[in-house]
């Protein structure tokens, strides 16, 4: 696909905001080089960052920060730098990958409600539950019940409950992401017309914009999600686009 047409097609994803360069790099490595032994060469990294309108000096600063934070390790082979996730960076990427790449069809189909003796929502949300009201939480039926809590199996959830469980602070962001993904899906050509570099760039933007929202709240079981919630619509579009544009092999990008 011609570069100008591709840039125009992916512009809605670039315009969403929140594109911190170090975070973009985490999304890129998490998508393209999450497995042990996978590396991204300096020229490839530079080409992808340039395609996302990241200035070279900003990319260098972000790379330095990620090395300092033990996320990324770099080695030089001749004149070419090779970058990879550290064991710690790989572990964190793997831990988040289930949430990022699970499709809506893979969401849990059973849920439970727990009543606790305290209102420590942070602790319970870290355990995978979502607060419905003080001391009352819902979550996947397979989650361990906290000590001292009472658990009830989930039944048919009323619409008001589903609406109340939606993260209100992210409502506008999910709507913007859903709209952007629909525009990208409409304007992009078929996968076979894109270069491996273009697909890697597209996937990074999709994963990054989805990750920065989805990881801010626990995953809800499917029976607790409204069919027309913008977060579900965005999730469906993410799954569709990542399937439509499969991850290219790193050597393929390097030869472009």
Protein backbone atom coordinates (compact mmCIF):
# COMPACT_ATOMS: atom_id res chain seq x y z
CA UNK A 1 0.00 0.00 0.00
CA UNK A 2 1.46 3.42 -0.89
CA UNK A 3 2.96 5.12 2.16
CA UNK A 4 0.77 8.23 1.90
CA UNK A 5 -2.44 6.16 1.69
CA UNK A 6 -1.33 4.00 4.62
CA UNK A 7 -0.49 7.04 6.75
CA UNK A 8 -3.93 8.49 6.03
CA UNK A 9 -5.67 5.20 6.87
CA UNK A 10 -3.98 4.77 10.27
CA UNK A 11 -4.19 8.48 11.23
CA UNK A 12 -7.26 7.92 13.49
CA UNK A 13 -5.16 5.64 15.71
CA UNK A 14 -2.27 8.10 15.84
CA UNK A 15 -4.63 10.91 16.82
CA UNK A 16 -6.08 9.23 19.91
CA UNK A 17 -3.47 10.69 22.25
CA UNK A 18 -1.62 9.02 25.08
CA UNK A 19 1.10 7.91 22.69
CA UNK A 20 4.05 8.02 25.06
CA UNK A 21 7.02 6.70 23.14
CA UNK A 22 8.30 4.34 25.84
CA UNK A 23 4.79 2.87 26.14
CA UNK A 24 4.53 2.48 22.36
CA UNK A 25 7.78 0.53 22.46
CA UNK A 26 6.45 -1.77 25.18
CA UNK A 27 3.40 -2.45 22.98
CA UNK A 28 5.63 -3.11 19.98
CA UNK A 29 7.97 -5.53 21.75
CA UNK A 30 5.03 -7.20 23.49
CA UNK A 31 3.38 -7.86 20.13
CA UNK A 32 6.36 -8.58 17.88
CA UNK A 33 9.08 -9.94 20.17
CA UNK A 34 7.48 -11.37 23.29
CA UNK A 35 9.09 -14.82 23.00
CA UNK A 36 12.55 -15.62 24.28
CA UNK A 37 15.19 -15.19 21.59
CA UNK A 38 13.18 -12.75 19.50
CA UNK A 39 14.96 -9.48 18.74
CA UNK A 40 14.15 -6.27 16.90
CA UNK A 41 17.07 -4.80 15.03
CA UNK A 42 17.85 -1.11 15.29
CA UNK A 43 16.93 -0.29 11.68
CA UNK A 44 13.58 -2.10 12.02
CA UNK A 45 12.80 -0.35 15.30
CA UNK A 46 13.68 3.01 13.75
CA UNK A 47 11.52 2.33 10.69
CA UNK A 48 8.47 1.42 12.80
CA UNK A 49 8.93 4.41 15.09
CA UNK A 50 9.25 6.70 12.07
CA UNK A 51 6.05 5.23 10.60
CA UNK A 52 4.31 6.23 13.85
CA UNK A 53 5.67 9.80 13.56
CA UNK A 54 8.12 9.33 16.45
CA UNK A 55 11.21 11.52 16.14
CA UNK A 56 14.58 9.71 16.30
CA UNK A 57 15.68 11.62 19.39
CA UNK A 58 12.41 10.72 21.19
CA UNK A 59 12.91 7.06 20.28
CA UNK A 60 16.46 7.13 21.66
CA UNK A 61 15.29 8.67 24.94
CA UNK A 62 12.51 6.07 25.27
CA UNK A 63 14.91 3.22 24.54
CA UNK A 64 17.33 4.55 27.15
CA UNK A 65 14.53 4.72 29.72
CA UNK A 66 13.41 1.15 29.01
CA UNK A 67 16.97 -0.13 29.33
CA UNK A 68 17.36 1.74 32.61
CA UNK A 69 14.07 0.28 33.87
CA UNK A 70 15.25 -3.24 32.91
CA UNK A 71 12.50 -3.70 30.32
CA UNK A 72 14.75 -3.95 27.28
CA UNK A 73 18.29 -5.19 26.72
CA UNK A 74 20.43 -4.05 23.80
CA UNK A 75 23.49 -5.60 22.19
CA UNK A 76 25.56 -4.33 19.31
CA UNK A 77 26.55 -6.66 16.50
CA UNK A 78 28.89 -4.70 14.28
CA UNK A 79 27.12 -1.45 13.53
CA UNK A 80 23.63 -2.86 14.19
CA UNK A 81 22.00 -2.76 17.63
CA UNK A 82 19.76 -5.68 18.55
CA UNK A 83 17.00 -5.07 21.11
CA UNK A 84 14.99 -7.62 23.08
CA UNK A 85 12.83 -7.85 26.17
CA UNK A 86 14.66 -8.71 29.37
CA UNK A 87 13.36 -11.73 31.35
CA UNK A 88 11.48 -9.28 33.61
CA UNK A 89 10.04 -7.39 30.64
CA UNK A 90 9.07 -10.65 28.96
CA UNK A 91 7.34 -11.88 32.13
CA UNK A 92 5.29 -8.69 32.42
CA UNK A 93 4.37 -8.80 28.73
CA UNK A 94 3.30 -12.43 29.02
CA UNK A 95 1.24 -11.65 32.11
CA UNK A 96 -0.72 -8.98 30.24
CA UNK A 97 -1.03 -10.86 26.96
CA UNK A 98 -4.04 -12.92 28.03
CA UNK A 99 -6.06 -9.79 28.64
CA UNK A 100 -4.81 -7.99 25.54
CA UNK A 101 -5.24 -10.77 22.99
CA UNK A 102 -8.28 -12.67 24.30
CA UNK A 103 -11.21 -12.26 21.92
CA UNK A 104 -14.73 -11.37 23.13
CA UNK A 105 -15.74 -14.97 22.43
CA UNK A 106 -13.10 -16.10 24.94
CA UNK A 107 -14.44 -14.00 27.81
CA UNK A 108 -15.68 -16.03 30.81
CA UNK A 109 -19.34 -17.01 30.50
CA UNK A 110 -20.01 -17.53 34.21
CA UNK A 111 -19.73 -15.02 37.04
CA UNK A 112 -20.07 -14.74 40.78
CA UNK A 113 -20.91 -12.06 43.33
CA UNK A 114 -19.01 -11.76 46.60
CA UNK A 115 -19.83 -9.88 49.78
CA UNK A 116 -16.82 -8.91 51.87
CA UNK A 117 -16.28 -7.68 55.40
CA UNK A 118 -14.30 -4.68 54.17
CA UNK A 119 -14.44 -2.09 51.41
CA UNK A 120 -10.84 -2.41 50.21
CA UNK A 121 -11.70 -2.13 46.52
CA UNK A 122 -8.05 -1.88 45.40
CA UNK A 123 -7.18 -5.27 46.88
CA UNK A 124 -10.26 -6.96 45.44
CA UNK A 125 -9.81 -5.39 42.01
CA UNK A 126 -6.23 -6.61 41.95
CA UNK A 127 -7.68 -10.08 42.54
CA UNK A 128 -9.83 -9.65 39.41
CA UNK A 129 -13.13 -8.45 40.90
CA UNK A 130 -15.06 -5.30 39.99
CA UNK A 131 -16.83 -3.22 42.62
CA UNK A 132 -20.60 -2.96 42.23
CA UNK A 133 -21.08 -1.07 45.49
CA UNK A 134 -19.21 -0.96 48.81
CA UNK A 135 -18.38 -4.50 50.00
CA UNK A 136 -20.11 -6.01 46.95
CA UNK A 137 -18.03 -7.25 44.01
CA UNK A 138 -18.50 -9.33 40.86
CA UNK A 139 -16.05 -11.32 38.78
CA UNK A 140 -15.23 -14.49 36.89
CA UNK A 141 -16.76 -17.55 38.56
CA UNK A 142 -13.33 -19.21 38.63
CA UNK A 143 -11.71 -16.51 40.79
CA UNK A 144 -10.77 -17.62 44.32
CA UNK A 145 -13.18 -16.27 46.92
CA UNK A 146 -11.35 -13.95 49.35
CA UNK A 147 -10.99 -15.19 52.90
CA UNK A 148 -13.99 -14.14 54.96
CA UNK A 149 -16.16 -13.32 51.94
CA UNK A 150 -19.48 -14.88 51.00
CA UNK A 151 -19.96 -15.92 47.37
CA UNK A 152 -23.14 -16.24 45.32
CA UNK A 153 -23.37 -17.70 41.80
CA UNK A 154 -24.28 -15.15 39.15
CA UNK A 155 -27.70 -15.23 37.53
CA UNK A 156 -29.12 -13.06 34.72
CA UNK A 157 -27.70 -9.57 35.25
CA UNK A 158 -30.10 -6.63 34.81
CA UNK A 159 -29.17 -3.82 32.44
CA UNK A 160 -28.68 -1.30 35.28
CA UNK A 161 -26.03 -3.55 36.83
CA UNK A 162 -24.13 -3.88 33.56
CA UNK A 163 -24.15 -0.10 33.10
CA UNK A 164 -22.97 0.47 36.65
CA UNK A 165 -20.03 -1.90 36.14
CA UNK A 166 -18.75 -0.04 33.09
CA UNK A 167 -15.70 2.12 33.91
CA UNK A 168 -17.28 5.57 33.59
CA UNK A 169 -13.92 7.35 33.48
CA UNK A 170 -13.02 5.45 30.29
CA UNK A 171 -16.37 5.78 28.51
CA UNK A 172 -15.29 8.56 26.15
CA UNK A 173 -11.92 6.93 25.46
CA UNK A 174 -13.56 3.62 24.55
CA UNK A 175 -15.99 5.41 22.23
CA UNK A 176 -13.12 7.24 20.54
CA UNK A 177 -11.15 4.00 20.13
CA UNK A 178 -14.15 2.16 18.72
CA UNK A 179 -14.77 4.95 16.20
CA UNK A 180 -11.09 5.07 15.20
CA UNK A 181 -10.91 1.31 14.69
CA UNK A 182 -14.02 1.34 12.51
CA UNK A 183 -12.49 4.08 10.34
CA UNK A 184 -9.23 2.16 10.01
CA UNK A 185 -11.08 -1.04 9.10
CA UNK A 186 -13.02 0.88 6.45
CA UNK A 187 -10.02 2.60 4.87
CA UNK A 188 -7.27 -0.05 4.97
CA UNK A 189 -6.56 -2.40 2.09
CA UNK A 190 -6.38 -6.17 2.37
CA UNK A 191 -3.43 -7.62 4.29
CA UNK A 192 -1.69 -8.89 1.16
CA UNK A 193 -1.35 -5.31 -0.13
CA UNK A 194 0.48 -4.12 3.01
CA UNK A 195 4.19 -4.54 3.63
CA UNK A 196 5.36 -6.42 6.75
CA UNK A 197 6.57 -3.06 8.10
CA UNK A 198 3.14 -1.51 7.61
CA UNK A 199 1.43 -4.44 9.33
CA UNK A 200 3.83 -4.27 12.29
CA UNK A 201 3.15 -0.54 12.61
CA UNK A 202 -0.61 -1.01 12.38
CA UNK A 203 -0.62 -3.80 14.97
CA UNK A 204 1.48 -1.74 17.37
CA UNK A 205 -1.00 1.14 17.24
CA UNK A 206 -3.97 -1.18 17.70
CA UNK A 207 -2.42 -3.08 20.60
CA UNK A 208 -1.15 0.09 22.26
CA UNK A 209 -4.45 1.96 22.18
CA UNK A 210 -6.35 -1.11 23.38
CA UNK A 211 -3.80 -2.00 26.09
CA UNK A 212 -3.77 1.44 27.70
CA UNK A 213 -7.52 1.21 28.31
CA UNK A 214 -8.17 -2.50 28.90
CA UNK A 215 -5.49 -2.88 31.56
CA UNK A 216 -6.95 -0.05 33.66
CA UNK A 217 -9.81 -2.19 34.97
CA UNK A 218 -10.55 -5.88 35.62
CA UNK A 219 -11.99 -7.95 32.81
CA UNK A 220 -15.73 -8.52 33.13
CA UNK A 221 -17.36 -11.87 32.30
CA UNK A 222 -19.43 -11.68 29.11
CA UNK A 223 -22.85 -11.92 30.86
CA UNK A 224 -22.03 -8.67 32.69
CA UNK A 225 -21.34 -6.67 29.50
CA UNK A 226 -23.96 -4.83 27.47
CA UNK A 227 -23.93 -5.77 23.78
CA UNK A 228 -23.70 -2.09 22.78
CA UNK A 229 -21.06 -0.99 25.32
CA UNK A 230 -18.31 0.92 23.51
CA UNK A 231 -15.66 -1.12 25.34
CA UNK A 232 -17.05 -4.34 23.88
CA UNK A 233 -17.37 -2.78 20.42
CA UNK A 234 -13.72 -1.70 20.60
CA UNK A 235 -12.72 -5.18 21.80
CA UNK A 236 -14.52 -6.78 18.85
CA UNK A 237 -12.79 -4.45 16.40
CA UNK A 238 -9.36 -5.10 17.97
CA UNK A 239 -9.87 -8.85 17.64
CA UNK A 240 -11.10 -8.51 14.05
CA UNK A 241 -8.22 -6.31 12.91
CA UNK A 242 -5.49 -8.36 14.62
CA UNK A 243 -6.93 -11.44 12.93
CA UNK A 244 -7.21 -9.69 9.57
CA UNK A 245 -3.60 -8.48 9.75
CA UNK A 246 -1.56 -11.35 11.26
CA UNK A 247 1.76 -10.69 12.96
CA UNK A 248 4.57 -10.72 10.35
CA UNK A 249 7.81 -12.56 11.00
CA UNK A 250 10.59 -10.29 12.17
CA UNK A 251 12.97 -11.42 9.37
CA UNK A 252 10.34 -10.35 6.84
CA UNK A 253 10.32 -6.82 8.25
CA UNK A 254 14.11 -6.68 8.26
CA UNK A 255 14.32 -7.45 4.54
CA UNK A 256 12.01 -4.61 3.52
